[in-house]
């Protein structure tokens, strides 16, 4: 959807990009983090060695909202502590 909308709306001066988050320490993931076996398995797979914090996404959001990304269209910015790099 990101790429389709990006190519459709780029001529109108509208940028469409997306952020693909990894595991984030929030209330919604509390059960996973409190399950010691599951938490250990997840952390073993994340090269950064920790769950993301919501503030870890601030830089990505600021970049995509700033003029610095005016020529970025249809990009999926992965913020996952290296999860997909493995």
PDB file of N, CA and C in Angstrom:
ATOM      1  N   UNK A   1       0.821  -1.175   0.000  1.00  0.00           N
ATOM      2  CA  UNK A   1       0.000   0.000   0.000  1.00  0.00           C
ATOM      3  C   UNK A   1       0.877   1.255   0.000  1.00  0.00           C
ATOM      4  N   UNK A   2       1.966   1.210   0.777  1.00  0.00           N
ATOM      5  CA  UNK A   2       2.868   2.368   0.852  1.00  0.00           C
ATOM      6  C   UNK A   2       3.405   2.721  -0.528  1.00  0.00           C
ATOM      7  N   UNK A   3       3.885   1.723  -1.244  1.00  0.00           N
ATOM      8  CA  UNK A   3       4.459   1.972  -2.570  1.00  0.00           C
ATOM      9  C   UNK A   3       3.392   2.404  -3.569  1.00  0.00           C
ATOM     10  N   UNK A   4       2.228   1.779  -3.507  1.00  0.00           N
ATOM     11  CA  UNK A   4       1.154   2.139  -4.433  1.00  0.00           C
ATOM     12  C   UNK A   4       0.709   3.588  -4.224  1.00  0.00           C
ATOM     13  N   UNK A   5       0.494   3.960  -2.974  1.00  0.00           N
ATOM     14  CA  UNK A   5       0.079   5.335  -2.697  1.00  0.00           C
ATOM     15  C   UNK A   5       1.198   6.324  -2.994  1.00  0.00           C
ATOM     16  N   UNK A   6       2.429   5.933  -2.727  1.00  0.00           N
ATOM     17  CA  UNK A   6       3.562   6.824  -2.995  1.00  0.00           C
ATOM     18  C   UNK A   6       3.653   7.163  -4.473  1.00  0.00           C
ATOM     19  N   UNK A   7       3.503   6.159  -5.337  1.00  0.00           N
ATOM     20  CA  UNK A   7       3.605   6.436  -6.778  1.00  0.00           C
ATOM     21  C   UNK A   7       2.392   7.207  -7.288  1.00  0.00           C
ATOM     22  N   UNK A   8       1.241   6.977  -6.677  1.00  0.00           N
ATOM     23  CA  UNK A   8       0.036   7.692  -7.092  1.00  0.00           C
ATOM     24  C   UNK A   8       0.055   9.154  -6.646  1.00  0.00           C
ATOM     25  N   UNK A   9       0.541   9.399  -5.435  1.00  0.00           N
ATOM     26  CA  UNK A   9       0.459  10.744  -4.873  1.00  0.00           C
ATOM     27  C   UNK A   9       1.721  11.588  -5.041  1.00  0.00           C
ATOM     28  N   UNK A  10       2.827  10.997  -5.423  1.00  0.00           N
ATOM     29  CA  UNK A  10       4.069  11.762  -5.597  1.00  0.00           C
ATOM     30  C   UNK A  10       3.900  12.935  -6.563  1.00  0.00           C
ATOM     31  N   UNK A  11       3.210  12.762  -7.690  1.00  0.00           N
ATOM     32  CA  UNK A  11       3.030  13.912  -8.588  1.00  0.00           C
ATOM     33  C   UNK A  11       2.258  15.071  -7.956  1.00  0.00           C
ATOM     34  N   UNK A  12       1.544  14.791  -6.881  1.00  0.00           N
ATOM     35  CA  UNK A  12       0.793  15.830  -6.184  1.00  0.00           C
ATOM     36  C   UNK A  12       1.606  16.480  -5.071  1.00  0.00           C
ATOM     37  N   UNK A  13       2.867  16.043  -4.927  1.00  0.00           N
ATOM     38  CA  UNK A  13       3.733  16.591  -3.889  1.00  0.00           C
ATOM     39  C   UNK A  13       3.504  15.957  -2.522  1.00  0.00           C
ATOM     40  N   UNK A  14       2.862  14.797  -2.511  1.00  0.00           N
ATOM     41  CA  UNK A  14       2.580  14.109  -1.252  1.00  0.00           C
ATOM     42  C   UNK A  14       3.513  12.914  -1.112  1.00  0.00           C
ATOM     43  N   UNK A  15       4.237  12.893  -0.018  1.00  0.00           N
ATOM     44  CA  UNK A  15       5.134  11.773   0.269  1.00  0.00           C
ATOM     45  C   UNK A  15       4.369  10.728   1.073  1.00  0.00           C
ATOM     46  N   UNK A  16       4.537   9.470   0.701  1.00  0.00           N
ATOM     47  CA  UNK A  16       3.961   8.367   1.466  1.00  0.00           C
ATOM     48  C   UNK A  16       5.096   7.406   1.789  1.00  0.00           C
ATOM     49  N   UNK A  17       5.348   7.220   3.060  1.00  0.00           N
ATOM     50  CA  UNK A  17       6.375   6.307   3.549  1.00  0.00           C
ATOM     51  C   UNK A  17       5.798   5.584   4.761  1.00  0.00           C
ATOM     52  N   UNK A  18       6.518   4.591   5.249  1.00  0.00           N
ATOM     53  CA  UNK A  18       6.019   3.829   6.395  1.00  0.00           C
ATOM     54  C   UNK A  18       7.169   3.469   7.323  1.00  0.00           C
ATOM     55  N   UNK A  19       6.822   3.246   8.566  1.00  0.00           N
ATOM     56  CA  UNK A  19       7.782   2.753   9.556  1.00  0.00           C
ATOM     57  C   UNK A  19       7.344   1.345   9.947  1.00  0.00           C
ATOM     58  N   UNK A  20       8.308   0.405   9.886  1.00  0.00           N
ATOM     59  CA  UNK A  20       8.040  -0.975  10.296  1.00  0.00           C
ATOM     60  C   UNK A  20       8.723  -1.188  11.638  1.00  0.00           C
ATOM     61  N   UNK A  21       7.943  -1.204  12.707  1.00  0.00           N
ATOM     62  CA  UNK A  21       8.534  -1.333  14.036  1.00  0.00           C
ATOM     63  C   UNK A  21       8.828  -2.782  14.408  1.00  0.00           C
ATOM     64  N   UNK A  22       9.802  -2.944  15.264  1.00  0.00           N
ATOM     65  CA  UNK A  22      10.061  -4.241  15.861  1.00  0.00           C
ATOM     66  C   UNK A  22       9.254  -4.363  17.139  1.00  0.00           C
ATOM     67  N   UNK A  23       9.723  -5.208  18.041  1.00  0.00           N
ATOM     68  CA  UNK A  23       9.049  -5.383  19.320  1.00  0.00           C
ATOM     69  C   UNK A  23       9.251  -4.142  20.188  1.00  0.00           C
ATOM     70  N   UNK A  24       8.147  -3.598  20.692  1.00  0.00           N
ATOM     71  CA  UNK A  24       8.180  -2.370  21.477  1.00  0.00           C
ATOM     72  C   UNK A  24       7.664  -2.659  22.882  1.00  0.00           C
ATOM     73  N   UNK A  25       8.366  -2.164  23.874  1.00  0.00           N
ATOM     74  CA  UNK A  25       7.936  -2.332  25.268  1.00  0.00           C
ATOM     75  C   UNK A  25       6.791  -1.356  25.554  1.00  0.00           C
ATOM     76  N   UNK A  26       5.582  -1.881  25.480  1.00  0.00           N
ATOM     77  CA  UNK A  26       4.377  -1.103  25.786  1.00  0.00           C
ATOM     78  C   UNK A  26       3.445  -1.973  26.622  1.00  0.00           C
ATOM     79  N   UNK A  27       2.333  -1.412  27.021  1.00  0.00           N
ATOM     80  CA  UNK A  27       1.341  -2.200  27.760  1.00  0.00           C
ATOM     81  C   UNK A  27       0.838  -3.373  26.923  1.00  0.00           C
ATOM     82  N   UNK A  28       0.781  -3.201  25.608  1.00  0.00           N
ATOM     83  CA  UNK A  28       0.276  -4.263  24.732  1.00  0.00           C
ATOM     84  C   UNK A  28       1.217  -5.467  24.676  1.00  0.00           C
ATOM     85  N   UNK A  29       2.494  -5.263  24.956  1.00  0.00           N
ATOM     86  CA  UNK A  29       3.455  -6.373  24.893  1.00  0.00           C
ATOM     87  C   UNK A  29       3.879  -6.841  26.289  1.00  0.00           C
ATOM     88  N   UNK A  30       3.223  -6.352  27.287  1.00  0.00           N
ATOM     89  CA  UNK A  30       3.583  -6.705  28.669  1.00  0.00           C
ATOM     90  C   UNK A  30       3.554  -8.223  28.886  1.00  0.00           C
ATOM     91  N   UNK A  31       2.530  -8.904  28.390  1.00  0.00           N
ATOM     92  CA  UNK A  31       2.424 -10.354  28.600  1.00  0.00           C
ATOM     93  C   UNK A  31       3.616 -11.087  27.986  1.00  0.00           C
ATOM     94  N   UNK A  32       4.061 -10.660  26.809  1.00  0.00           N
ATOM     95  CA  UNK A  32       5.236 -11.280  26.189  1.00  0.00           C
ATOM     96  C   UNK A  32       6.485 -11.046  27.016  1.00  0.00           C
ATOM     97  N   UNK A  33       6.634  -9.827  27.514  1.00  0.00           N
ATOM     98  CA  UNK A  33       7.828  -9.486  28.291  1.00  0.00           C
ATOM     99  C   UNK A  33       7.837 -10.191  29.639  1.00  0.00           C
ATOM    100  N   UNK A  34       6.662 -10.435  30.195  1.00  0.00           N
ATOM    101  CA  UNK A  34       6.580 -11.096  31.501  1.00  0.00           C
ATOM    102  C   UNK A  34       6.678 -12.622  31.400  1.00  0.00           C
ATOM    103  N   UNK A  35       6.529 -13.159  30.196  1.00  0.00           N
ATOM    104  CA  UNK A  35       6.711 -14.596  29.963  1.00  0.00           C
ATOM    105  C   UNK A  35       8.209 -14.815  29.740  1.00  0.00           C
ATOM    106  N   UNK A  36       8.890 -15.340  30.756  1.00  0.00           N
ATOM    107  CA  UNK A  36      10.353 -15.393  30.708  1.00  0.00           C
ATOM    108  C   UNK A  36      10.880 -16.177  29.510  1.00  0.00           C
ATOM    109  N   UNK A  37      10.248 -17.281  29.140  1.00  0.00           N
ATOM    110  CA  UNK A  37      10.721 -18.057  27.988  1.00  0.00           C
ATOM    111  C   UNK A  37      10.552 -17.282  26.691  1.00  0.00           C
ATOM    112  N   UNK A  38       9.393 -16.683  26.522  1.00  0.00           N
ATOM    113  CA  UNK A  38       9.123 -15.912  25.290  1.00  0.00           C
ATOM    114  C   UNK A  38      10.009 -14.671  25.229  1.00  0.00           C
ATOM    115  N   UNK A  39      10.150 -13.971  26.347  1.00  0.00           N
ATOM    116  CA  UNK A  39      10.982 -12.775  26.400  1.00  0.00           C
ATOM    117  C   UNK A  39      12.433 -13.116  26.057  1.00  0.00           C
ATOM    118  N   UNK A  40      12.946 -14.195  26.616  1.00  0.00           N
ATOM    119  CA  UNK A  40      14.318 -14.620  26.338  1.00  0.00           C
ATOM    120  C   UNK A  40      14.492 -14.934  24.859  1.00  0.00           C
ATOM    121  N   UNK A  41      13.526 -15.623  24.263  1.00  0.00           N
ATOM    122  CA  UNK A  41      13.599 -15.967  22.845  1.00  0.00           C
ATOM    123  C   UNK A  41      13.586 -14.723  21.962  1.00  0.00           C
ATOM    124  N   UNK A  42      12.742 -13.782  22.297  1.00  0.00           N
ATOM    125  CA  UNK A  42      12.658 -12.542  21.519  1.00  0.00           C
ATOM    126  C   UNK A  42      13.955 -11.756  21.641  1.00  0.00           C
ATOM    127  N   UNK A  43      14.439 -11.571  22.855  1.00  0.00           N
ATOM    128  CA  UNK A  43      15.676 -10.807  23.059  1.00  0.00           C
ATOM    129  C   UNK A  43      16.874 -11.473  22.386  1.00  0.00           C
ATOM    130  N   UNK A  44      16.894 -12.801  22.337  1.00  0.00           N
ATOM    131  CA  UNK A  44      17.999 -13.501  21.678  1.00  0.00           C
ATOM    132  C   UNK A  44      18.028 -13.231  20.177  1.00  0.00           C
ATOM    133  N   UNK A  45      16.895 -12.861  19.617  1.00  0.00           N
ATOM    134  CA  UNK A  45      16.783 -12.614  18.171  1.00  0.00           C
ATOM    135  C   UNK A  45      17.052 -11.153  17.801  1.00  0.00           C
ATOM    136  N   UNK A  46      17.038 -10.254  18.774  1.00  0.00           N
ATOM    137  CA  UNK A  46      17.235  -8.824  18.508  1.00  0.00           C
ATOM    138  C   UNK A  46      18.712  -8.483  18.715  1.00  0.00           C
ATOM    139  N   UNK A  47      19.444  -8.139  17.652  1.00  0.00           N
ATOM    140  CA  UNK A  47      20.856  -7.815  17.816  1.00  0.00           C
ATOM    141  C   UNK A  47      21.121  -6.681  18.817  1.00  0.00           C
ATOM    142  N   UNK A  48      20.224  -5.716  18.911  1.00  0.00           N
ATOM    143  CA  UNK A  48      20.404  -4.621  19.862  1.00  0.00           C
ATOM    144  C   UNK A  48      20.277  -5.105  21.306  1.00  0.00           C
ATOM    145  N   UNK A  49      19.706  -6.288  21.500  1.00  0.00           N
ATOM    146  CA  UNK A  49      19.640  -6.895  22.824  1.00  0.00           C
ATOM    147  C   UNK A  49      18.597  -6.326  23.766  1.00  0.00           C
ATOM    148  N   UNK A  50      17.647  -5.581  23.240  1.00  0.00           N
ATOM    149  CA  UNK A  50      16.606  -5.018  24.098  1.00  0.00           C
ATOM    150  C   UNK A  50      15.351  -4.739  23.282  1.00  0.00           C
ATOM    151  N   UNK A  51      14.251  -4.611  23.995  1.00  0.00           N
ATOM    152  CA  UNK A  51      12.998  -4.195  23.378  1.00  0.00           C
ATOM    153  C   UNK A  51      13.107  -2.712  23.024  1.00  0.00           C
ATOM    154  N   UNK A  52      12.441  -2.304  21.961  1.00  0.00           N
ATOM    155  CA  UNK A  52      12.395  -0.886  21.616  1.00  0.00           C
ATOM    156  C   UNK A  52      11.569  -0.136  22.644  1.00  0.00           C
ATOM    157  N   UNK A  53      11.914   1.113  22.824  1.00  0.00           N
ATOM    158  CA  UNK A  53      11.103   2.028  23.624  1.00  0.00           C
ATOM    159  C   UNK A  53      10.376   2.942  22.644  1.00  0.00           C
ATOM    160  N   UNK A  54       9.198   3.421  22.967  1.00  0.00           N
ATOM    161  CA  UNK A  54       8.484   4.303  22.036  1.00  0.00           C
ATOM    162  C   UNK A  54       9.344   5.466  21.535  1.00  0.00           C
ATOM    163  N   UNK A  55      10.193   5.997  22.383  1.00  0.00           N
ATOM    164  CA  UNK A  55      11.028   7.135  21.960  1.00  0.00           C
ATOM    165  C   UNK A  55      12.083   6.750  20.920  1.00  0.00           C
ATOM    166  N   UNK A  56      12.330   5.467  20.728  1.00  0.00           N
ATOM    167  CA  UNK A  56      13.276   5.027  19.707  1.00  0.00           C
ATOM    168  C   UNK A  56      12.796   5.352  18.291  1.00  0.00           C
ATOM    169  N   UNK A  57      11.533   5.663  18.148  1.00  0.00           N
ATOM    170  CA  UNK A  57      10.968   5.952  16.833  1.00  0.00           C
ATOM    171  C   UNK A  57      10.939   7.440  16.509  1.00  0.00           C
ATOM    172  N   UNK A  58      11.272   8.269  17.475  1.00  0.00           N
ATOM    173  CA  UNK A  58      11.191   9.720  17.289  1.00  0.00           C
ATOM    174  C   UNK A  58      12.054  10.198  16.121  1.00  0.00           C
ATOM    175  N   UNK A  59      13.267   9.723  16.029  1.00  0.00           N
ATOM    176  CA  UNK A  59      14.154  10.160  14.945  1.00  0.00           C
ATOM    177  C   UNK A  59      13.619   9.796  13.574  1.00  0.00           C
ATOM    178  N   UNK A  60      13.084   8.580  13.448  1.00  0.00           N
ATOM    179  CA  UNK A  60      12.516   8.143  12.168  1.00  0.00           C
ATOM    180  C   UNK A  60      11.310   8.999  11.792  1.00  0.00           C
ATOM    181  N   UNK A  61      10.460   9.269  12.764  1.00  0.00           N
ATOM    182  CA  UNK A  61       9.269  10.087  12.512  1.00  0.00           C
ATOM    183  C   UNK A  61       9.672  11.510  12.134  1.00  0.00           C
ATOM    184  N   UNK A  62      10.609  12.075  12.861  1.00  0.00           N
ATOM    185  CA  UNK A  62      11.056  13.438  12.563  1.00  0.00           C
ATOM    186  C   UNK A  62      11.662  13.512  11.165  1.00  0.00           C
ATOM    187  N   UNK A  63      12.497  12.529  10.819  1.00  0.00           N
ATOM    188  CA  UNK A  63      13.093  12.514   9.477  1.00  0.00           C
ATOM    189  C   UNK A  63      12.014  12.463   8.398  1.00  0.00           C
ATOM    190  N   UNK A  64      11.054  11.553   8.539  1.00  0.00           N
ATOM    191  CA  UNK A  64      10.031  11.416   7.502  1.00  0.00           C
ATOM    192  C   UNK A  64       9.098  12.618   7.432  1.00  0.00           C
ATOM    193  N   UNK A  65       8.979  13.363   8.526  1.00  0.00           N
ATOM    194  CA  UNK A  65       8.124  14.551   8.532  1.00  0.00           C
ATOM    195  C   UNK A  65       8.874  15.820   8.126  1.00  0.00           C
ATOM    196  N   UNK A  66      10.191  15.740   8.032  1.00  0.00           N
ATOM    197  CA  UNK A  66      11.014  16.917   7.769  1.00  0.00           C
ATOM    198  C   UNK A  66      11.319  17.096   6.281  1.00  0.00           C
ATOM    199  N   UNK A  67      11.708  18.298   5.895  1.00  0.00           N
ATOM    200  CA  UNK A  67      12.105  18.535   4.510  1.00  0.00           C
ATOM    201  C   UNK A  67      13.263  17.640   4.039  1.00  0.00           C
ATOM    202  N   UNK A  68      14.036  17.114   4.969  1.00  0.00           N
ATOM    203  CA  UNK A  68      15.152  16.233   4.604  1.00  0.00           C
ATOM    204  C   UNK A  68      14.679  15.000   3.838  1.00  0.00           C
ATOM    205  N   UNK A  69      13.413  14.637   3.981  1.00  0.00           N
ATOM    206  CA  UNK A  69      12.888  13.456   3.283  1.00  0.00           C
ATOM    207  C   UNK A  69      11.960  13.818   2.120  1.00  0.00           C
ATOM    208  N   UNK A  70      12.033  15.050   1.653  1.00  0.00           N
ATOM    209  CA  UNK A  70      11.131  15.484   0.577  1.00  0.00           C
ATOM    210  C   UNK A  70      11.237  14.645  -0.690  1.00  0.00           C
ATOM    211  N   UNK A  71      12.375  14.033  -0.935  1.00  0.00           N
ATOM    212  CA  UNK A  71      12.552  13.231  -2.154  1.00  0.00           C
ATOM    213  C   UNK A  71      12.519  11.735  -1.844  1.00  0.00           C
ATOM    214  N   UNK A  72      11.990  11.381  -0.671  1.00  0.00           N
ATOM    215  CA  UNK A  72      11.843   9.980  -0.269  1.00  0.00           C
ATOM    216  C   UNK A  72      10.382   9.600  -0.480  1.00  0.00           C
ATOM    217  N   UNK A  73      10.166   8.652  -1.375  1.00  0.00           N
ATOM    218  CA  UNK A  73       8.799   8.219  -1.698  1.00  0.00           C
ATOM    219  C   UNK A  73       8.732   6.696  -1.679  1.00  0.00           C
ATOM    220  N   UNK A  74       7.749   6.148  -0.985  1.00  0.00           N
ATOM    221  CA  UNK A  74       7.507   4.717  -0.990  1.00  0.00           C
ATOM    222  C   UNK A  74       8.494   3.896  -0.193  1.00  0.00           C
ATOM    223  N   UNK A  75       9.126   4.510   0.792  1.00  0.00           N
ATOM    224  CA  UNK A  75      10.138   3.803   1.574  1.00  0.00           C
ATOM    225  C   UNK A  75       9.541   3.186   2.833  1.00  0.00           C
ATOM    226  N   UNK A  76      10.003   1.979   3.145  1.00  0.00           N
ATOM    227  CA  UNK A  76       9.634   1.315   4.396  1.00  0.00           C
ATOM    228  C   UNK A  76      10.856   1.381   5.301  1.00  0.00           C
ATOM    229  N   UNK A  77      10.804   2.214   6.314  1.00  0.00           N
ATOM    230  CA  UNK A  77      11.918   2.412   7.238  1.00  0.00           C
ATOM    231  C   UNK A  77      11.749   1.447   8.410  1.00  0.00           C
ATOM    232  N   UNK A  78      12.641   0.474   8.472  1.00  0.00           N
ATOM    233  CA  UNK A  78      12.568  -0.555   9.507  1.00  0.00           C
ATOM    234  C   UNK A  78      13.293  -0.061  10.762  1.00  0.00           C
ATOM    235  N   UNK A  79      12.599  -0.053  11.880  1.00  0.00           N
ATOM    236  CA  UNK A  79      13.171   0.337  13.172  1.00  0.00           C
ATOM    237  C   UNK A  79      12.927  -0.834  14.116  1.00  0.00           C
ATOM    238  N   UNK A  80      13.861  -1.787  14.079  1.00  0.00           N
ATOM    239  CA  UNK A  80      13.615  -3.052  14.789  1.00  0.00           C
ATOM    240  C   UNK A  80      14.824  -3.579  15.572  1.00  0.00           C
ATOM    241  N   UNK A  81      15.815  -2.745  15.822  1.00  0.00           N
ATOM    242  CA  UNK A  81      16.965  -3.182  16.595  1.00  0.00           C
ATOM    243  C   UNK A  81      17.824  -4.210  15.873  1.00  0.00           C
ATOM    244  N   UNK A  82      17.606  -4.386  14.587  1.00  0.00           N
ATOM    245  CA  UNK A  82      18.378  -5.336  13.799  1.00  0.00           C
ATOM    246  C   UNK A  82      17.685  -6.660  13.549  1.00  0.00           C
ATOM    247  N   UNK A  83      16.434  -6.807  14.009  1.00  0.00           N
ATOM    248  CA  UNK A  83      15.689  -8.065  13.875  1.00  0.00           C
ATOM    249  C   UNK A  83      15.734  -8.607  12.435  1.00  0.00           C
ATOM    250  N   UNK A  84      15.430  -7.773  11.452  1.00  0.00           N
ATOM    251  CA  UNK A  84      15.390  -8.246  10.063  1.00  0.00           C
ATOM    252  C   UNK A  84      16.772  -8.414   9.449  1.00  0.00           C
ATOM    253  N   UNK A  85      17.785  -7.909  10.111  1.00  0.00           N
ATOM    254  CA  UNK A  85      19.142  -8.046   9.586  1.00  0.00           C
ATOM    255  C   UNK A  85      19.683  -9.466   9.768  1.00  0.00           C
ATOM    256  N   UNK A  86      19.053 -10.229  10.610  1.00  0.00           N
ATOM    257  CA  UNK A  86      19.512 -11.600  10.874  1.00  0.00           C
ATOM    258  C   UNK A  86      19.013 -12.548   9.829  1.00  0.00           C
TER     259      UNK A  86
END
